[in-house]
Amino acid sequence: MEKIEELGIEATKIANQGGIELCHFYYDNLWNDGHGHNMEFYQQISKYYDYIFPTGEEQIKFLKEIAGNPPKRILDIACGTGGYSLELAAQGYNVTAVDLDAGMIKQLSEKASNLSGVSGTLEYIHSDMVRVNEKLQGKFNMAFCIGN
């Protein structure tokens, strides 16, 4: 097990165990400023995001059941590094992924460039979820926000 020491605490890179403890530590100490404007929490964990919040097979199955067969237009709000968006796009869904943190969108972009079959089915937008409607066009068959 690899330790994450550069964040100022020791936490194990295990989703649903050490990762959750790490999230609670950072939420309590960095994110929760009382106004919801401090993105330092996600900026600090962005390079560990996929370890802390892995894309779950059961969640993908659930999303596909709700959406129906592709092609459907899906909006992933607060997408993080895009695990769910990439998986759904690879399976033929037209996905628009939105996140407030530019580092998360950058990681999503890098991951997407290394995958075949998602170039025409995935769009990603750096935006606040509250104002995302200003950047979107058309309607979606489904929208989801996992983990927020």
C-alpha atoms as a PDB file:
ATOM      1  CA  MET A   1       0.000   0.000   0.000  1.00  0.00           C
ATOM      2  CA  GLU A   2       1.355   3.366  -1.023  1.00  0.00           C
ATOM      3  CA  LYS A   3       1.223   6.217   1.448  1.00  0.00           C
ATOM      4  CA  ILE A   4       0.230   9.750   0.506  1.00  0.00           C
ATOM      5  CA  GLU A   5       2.486  11.858   2.694  1.00  0.00           C
ATOM      6  CA  GLU A   6       2.907  14.994   0.612  1.00  0.00           C
ATOM      7  CA  LEU A   7      -0.594  16.158   1.569  1.00  0.00           C
ATOM      8  CA  GLY A   8       0.481  16.697   5.149  1.00  0.00           C
ATOM      9  CA  ILE A   9      -1.115  13.553   6.562  1.00  0.00           C
ATOM     10  CA  GLU A  10      -0.653   9.847   5.983  1.00  0.00           C
ATOM     11  CA  ALA A  11      -3.488   8.194   4.147  1.00  0.00           C
ATOM     12  CA  THR A  12      -3.640   4.913   2.295  1.00  0.00           C
ATOM     13  CA  LYS A  13      -4.551   4.859  -1.383  1.00  0.00           C
ATOM     14  CA  ILE A  14      -7.486   2.527  -0.867  1.00  0.00           C
ATOM     15  CA  ALA A  15     -10.914   3.594  -2.021  1.00  0.00           C
ATOM     16  CA  ASN A  16     -13.675   3.321   0.565  1.00  0.00           C
ATOM     17  CA  GLN A  17     -11.136   3.042   3.386  1.00  0.00           C
ATOM     18  CA  GLY A  18      -8.164   5.410   3.656  1.00  0.00           C
ATOM     19  CA  GLY A  19      -9.470   7.490   0.773  1.00  0.00           C
ATOM     20  CA  ILE A  20     -12.682   8.326   2.557  1.00  0.00           C
ATOM     21  CA  GLU A  21     -10.765   9.321   5.678  1.00  0.00           C
ATOM     22  CA  LEU A  22      -8.569  11.540   3.507  1.00  0.00           C
ATOM     23  CA  CYS A  23     -11.643  13.151   2.004  1.00  0.00           C
ATOM     24  CA  HIS A  24     -13.170  13.850   5.389  1.00  0.00           C
ATOM     25  CA  PHE A  25      -9.903  15.371   6.622  1.00  0.00           C
ATOM     26  CA  TYR A  26      -9.669  17.700   3.650  1.00  0.00           C
ATOM     27  CA  TYR A  27     -13.339  18.562   3.636  1.00  0.00           C
ATOM     28  CA  ASP A  28     -13.240  19.505   7.298  1.00  0.00           C
ATOM     29  CA  ASN A  29      -9.972  21.422   7.054  1.00  0.00           C
ATOM     30  CA  LEU A  30      -9.848  22.943   3.574  1.00  0.00           C
ATOM     31  CA  TRP A  31     -13.145  22.842   1.725  1.00  0.00           C
ATOM     32  CA  ASN A  32     -15.680  23.843   4.320  1.00  0.00           C
ATOM     33  CA  ASP A  33     -15.181  27.593   4.448  1.00  0.00           C
ATOM     34  CA  GLY A  34     -18.862  28.221   5.115  1.00  0.00           C
ATOM     35  CA  HIS A  35     -19.418  29.691   1.655  1.00  0.00           C
ATOM     36  CA  GLY A  36     -18.609  26.785  -0.666  1.00  0.00           C
ATOM     37  CA  HIS A  37     -16.020  28.777  -2.627  1.00  0.00           C
ATOM     38  CA  ASN A  38     -12.778  27.085  -1.622  1.00  0.00           C
ATOM     39  CA  MET A  39     -11.655  24.611  -4.288  1.00  0.00           C
ATOM     40  CA  GLU A  40      -8.428  23.797  -2.471  1.00  0.00           C
ATOM     41  CA  PHE A  41      -9.879  20.445  -1.379  1.00  0.00           C
ATOM     42  CA  TYR A  42     -10.194  19.121  -4.940  1.00  0.00           C
ATOM     43  CA  GLN A  43      -7.023  20.835  -6.120  1.00  0.00           C
ATOM     44  CA  GLN A  44      -5.089  19.034  -3.384  1.00  0.00           C
ATOM     45  CA  ILE A  45      -6.498  15.591  -4.156  1.00  0.00           C
ATOM     46  CA  SER A  46      -6.881  15.878  -7.948  1.00  0.00           C
ATOM     47  CA  LYS A  47      -3.904  13.669  -8.768  1.00  0.00           C
ATOM     48  CA  TYR A  48      -5.249  10.997  -6.374  1.00  0.00           C
ATOM     49  CA  TYR A  49      -8.890  11.393  -7.424  1.00  0.00           C
ATOM     50  CA  ASP A  50      -9.145   8.085  -9.282  1.00  0.00           C
ATOM     51  CA  TYR A  51      -7.792   6.202  -6.253  1.00  0.00           C
ATOM     52  CA  ILE A  52     -10.158   7.914  -3.829  1.00  0.00           C
ATOM     53  CA  PHE A  53     -13.236   7.848  -6.077  1.00  0.00           C
ATOM     54  CA  PRO A  54     -12.871   4.859  -8.418  1.00  0.00           C
ATOM     55  CA  THR A  55     -15.434   4.311 -11.165  1.00  0.00           C
ATOM     56  CA  GLY A  56     -17.734   1.568  -9.914  1.00  0.00           C
ATOM     57  CA  GLU A  57     -19.163  -1.177 -12.100  1.00  0.00           C
ATOM     58  CA  GLU A  58     -22.446  -1.175 -10.178  1.00  0.00           C
ATOM     59  CA  GLN A  59     -22.822   2.580 -10.667  1.00  0.00           C
ATOM     60  CA  ILE A  60     -22.176   2.234 -14.420  1.00  0.00           C
ATOM     61  CA  LYS A  61     -24.750  -0.559 -14.598  1.00  0.00           C
ATOM     62  CA  PHE A  62     -27.279   1.604 -12.726  1.00  0.00           C
ATOM     63  CA  LEU A  63     -26.651   4.628 -14.977  1.00  0.00           C
ATOM     64  CA  LYS A  64     -27.095   2.508 -18.100  1.00  0.00           C
ATOM     65  CA  GLU A  65     -30.357   1.066 -16.769  1.00  0.00           C
ATOM     66  CA  ILE A  66     -31.719   4.546 -16.106  1.00  0.00           C
ATOM     67  CA  ALA A  67     -30.486   6.027 -19.403  1.00  0.00           C
ATOM     68  CA  GLY A  68     -31.612   3.208 -21.651  1.00  0.00           C
ATOM     69  CA  ASN A  69     -29.775   2.021 -24.736  1.00  0.00           C
ATOM     70  CA  PRO A  70     -27.387   4.394 -26.512  1.00  0.00           C
ATOM     71  CA  PRO A  71     -27.288   6.764 -28.164  1.00  0.00           C
ATOM     72  CA  LYS A  72     -28.692   8.968 -25.420  1.00  0.00           C
ATOM     73  CA  ARG A  73     -27.477  12.415 -24.389  1.00  0.00           C
ATOM     74  CA  ILE A  74     -26.134  12.384 -20.819  1.00  0.00           C
ATOM     75  CA  LEU A  75     -24.891  15.194 -18.572  1.00  0.00           C
ATOM     76  CA  ASP A  76     -22.294  14.304 -15.901  1.00  0.00           C
ATOM     77  CA  ILE A  77     -22.270  17.143 -13.376  1.00  0.00           C
ATOM     78  CA  ALA A  78     -19.161  17.464 -11.174  1.00  0.00           C
ATOM     79  CA  CYS A  79     -17.484  14.779 -13.276  1.00  0.00           C
ATOM     80  CA  GLY A  80     -14.082  14.864 -11.580  1.00  0.00           C
ATOM     81  CA  THR A  81     -11.545  13.139 -13.827  1.00  0.00           C
ATOM     82  CA  GLY A  82     -14.371  11.683 -15.908  1.00  0.00           C
ATOM     83  CA  GLY A  83     -14.403   7.997 -15.060  1.00  0.00           C
ATOM     84  CA  TYR A  84     -18.155   7.634 -15.539  1.00  0.00           C
ATOM     85  CA  SER A  85     -18.207   9.943 -18.556  1.00  0.00           C
ATOM     86  CA  LEU A  86     -15.431   8.032 -20.314  1.00  0.00           C
ATOM     87  CA  GLU A  87     -17.023   4.657 -19.649  1.00  0.00           C
ATOM     88  CA  LEU A  88     -20.430   5.771 -20.920  1.00  0.00           C
ATOM     89  CA  ALA A  89     -18.962   7.544 -23.960  1.00  0.00           C
ATOM     90  CA  ALA A  90     -16.979   4.427 -24.858  1.00  0.00           C
ATOM     91  CA  GLN A  91     -20.260   2.504 -24.858  1.00  0.00           C
ATOM     92  CA  GLY A  92     -21.912   4.871 -27.335  1.00  0.00           C
ATOM     93  CA  TYR A  93     -23.613   7.460 -25.125  1.00  0.00           C
ATOM     94  CA  ASN A  94     -23.171  11.146 -25.983  1.00  0.00           C
ATOM     95  CA  VAL A  95     -21.772  12.553 -22.762  1.00  0.00           C
ATOM     96  CA  THR A  96     -21.156  16.118 -21.666  1.00  0.00           C
ATOM     97  CA  ALA A  97     -18.926  16.225 -18.580  1.00  0.00           C
ATOM     98  CA  VAL A  98     -18.758  19.325 -16.380  1.00  0.00           C
ATOM     99  CA  ASP A  99     -16.445  20.178 -13.489  1.00  0.00           C
ATOM    100  CA  LEU A 100     -15.468  23.363 -11.673  1.00  0.00           C
ATOM    101  CA  ASP A 101     -11.853  22.311 -11.177  1.00  0.00           C
ATOM    102  CA  ALA A 102      -9.694  22.934 -14.273  1.00  0.00           C
ATOM    103  CA  GLY A 103      -7.222  20.261 -13.115  1.00  0.00           C
ATOM    104  CA  MET A 104      -9.954  17.622 -13.167  1.00  0.00           C
ATOM    105  CA  ILE A 105     -10.998  18.632 -16.688  1.00  0.00           C
ATOM    106  CA  LYS A 106      -7.354  18.538 -17.786  1.00  0.00           C
ATOM    107  CA  GLN A 107      -7.015  14.981 -16.487  1.00  0.00           C
ATOM    108  CA  LEU A 108     -10.247  14.001 -18.238  1.00  0.00           C
ATOM    109  CA  SER A 109      -8.925  15.480 -21.477  1.00  0.00           C
ATOM    110  CA  GLU A 110      -5.662  13.553 -21.150  1.00  0.00           C
ATOM    111  CA  LYS A 111      -7.475  10.295 -20.404  1.00  0.00           C
ATOM    112  CA  ALA A 112      -9.854  10.826 -23.338  1.00  0.00           C
ATOM    113  CA  SER A 113      -6.978  11.447 -25.750  1.00  0.00           C
ATOM    114  CA  ASN A 114      -5.586   8.012 -24.872  1.00  0.00           C
ATOM    115  CA  LEU A 115      -8.866   6.173 -25.564  1.00  0.00           C
ATOM    116  CA  SER A 116     -10.317   5.233 -28.896  1.00  0.00           C
ATOM    117  CA  GLY A 117     -14.019   5.535 -29.557  1.00  0.00           C
ATOM    118  CA  VAL A 118     -14.822   8.535 -27.365  1.00  0.00           C
ATOM    119  CA  SER A 119     -13.804  11.468 -29.579  1.00  0.00           C
ATOM    120  CA  GLY A 120     -17.265  11.971 -31.090  1.00  0.00           C
ATOM    121  CA  THR A 121     -19.261  11.063 -28.011  1.00  0.00           C
ATOM    122  CA  LEU A 122     -17.581  13.071 -25.241  1.00  0.00           C
ATOM    123  CA  GLU A 123     -17.532  16.798 -24.565  1.00  0.00           C
ATOM    124  CA  TYR A 124     -16.046  18.309 -21.416  1.00  0.00           C
ATOM    125  CA  ILE A 125     -16.650  21.748 -19.985  1.00  0.00           C
ATOM    126  CA  HIS A 126     -14.878  23.672 -17.223  1.00  0.00           C
ATOM    127  CA  SER A 127     -17.766  25.320 -15.396  1.00  0.00           C
ATOM    128  CA  ASP A 128     -19.541  25.813 -12.116  1.00  0.00           C
ATOM    129  CA  MET A 129     -22.511  23.432 -11.970  1.00  0.00           C
ATOM    130  CA  VAL A 130     -24.730  26.350 -10.954  1.00  0.00           C
ATOM    131  CA  ARG A 131     -23.963  28.216 -14.181  1.00  0.00           C
ATOM    132  CA  VAL A 132     -23.528  25.277 -16.541  1.00  0.00           C
ATOM    133  CA  ASN A 133     -26.861  25.959 -18.246  1.00  0.00           C
ATOM    134  CA  GLU A 134     -25.257  29.087 -19.731  1.00  0.00           C
ATOM    135  CA  LYS A 135     -22.798  26.856 -21.632  1.00  0.00           C
ATOM    136  CA  LEU A 136     -25.096  24.015 -22.677  1.00  0.00           C
ATOM    137  CA  GLN A 137     -27.320  23.697 -25.701  1.00  0.00           C
ATOM    138  CA  GLY A 138     -30.213  21.341 -26.213  1.00  0.00           C
ATOM    139  CA  LYS A 139     -31.745  18.815 -23.879  1.00  0.00           C
ATOM    140  CA  PHE A 140     -30.349  15.756 -22.139  1.00  0.00           C
ATOM    141  CA  ASN A 141     -32.002  12.400 -21.668  1.00  0.00           C
ATOM    142  CA  MET A 142     -30.364  12.071 -18.255  1.00  0.00           C
ATOM    143  CA  ALA A 143     -28.224  14.079 -15.848  1.00  0.00           C
ATOM    144  CA  PHE A 144     -26.343  12.750 -12.844  1.00  0.00           C
ATOM    145  CA  CYS A 145     -24.025  13.955 -10.118  1.00  0.00           C
ATOM    146  CA  ILE A 146     -22.221  11.151  -8.292  1.00  0.00           C
ATOM    147  CA  GLY A 147     -20.378  11.825  -5.071  1.00  0.00           C
ATOM    148  CA  ASN A 148     -21.467  15.400  -4.413  1.00  0.00           C
END
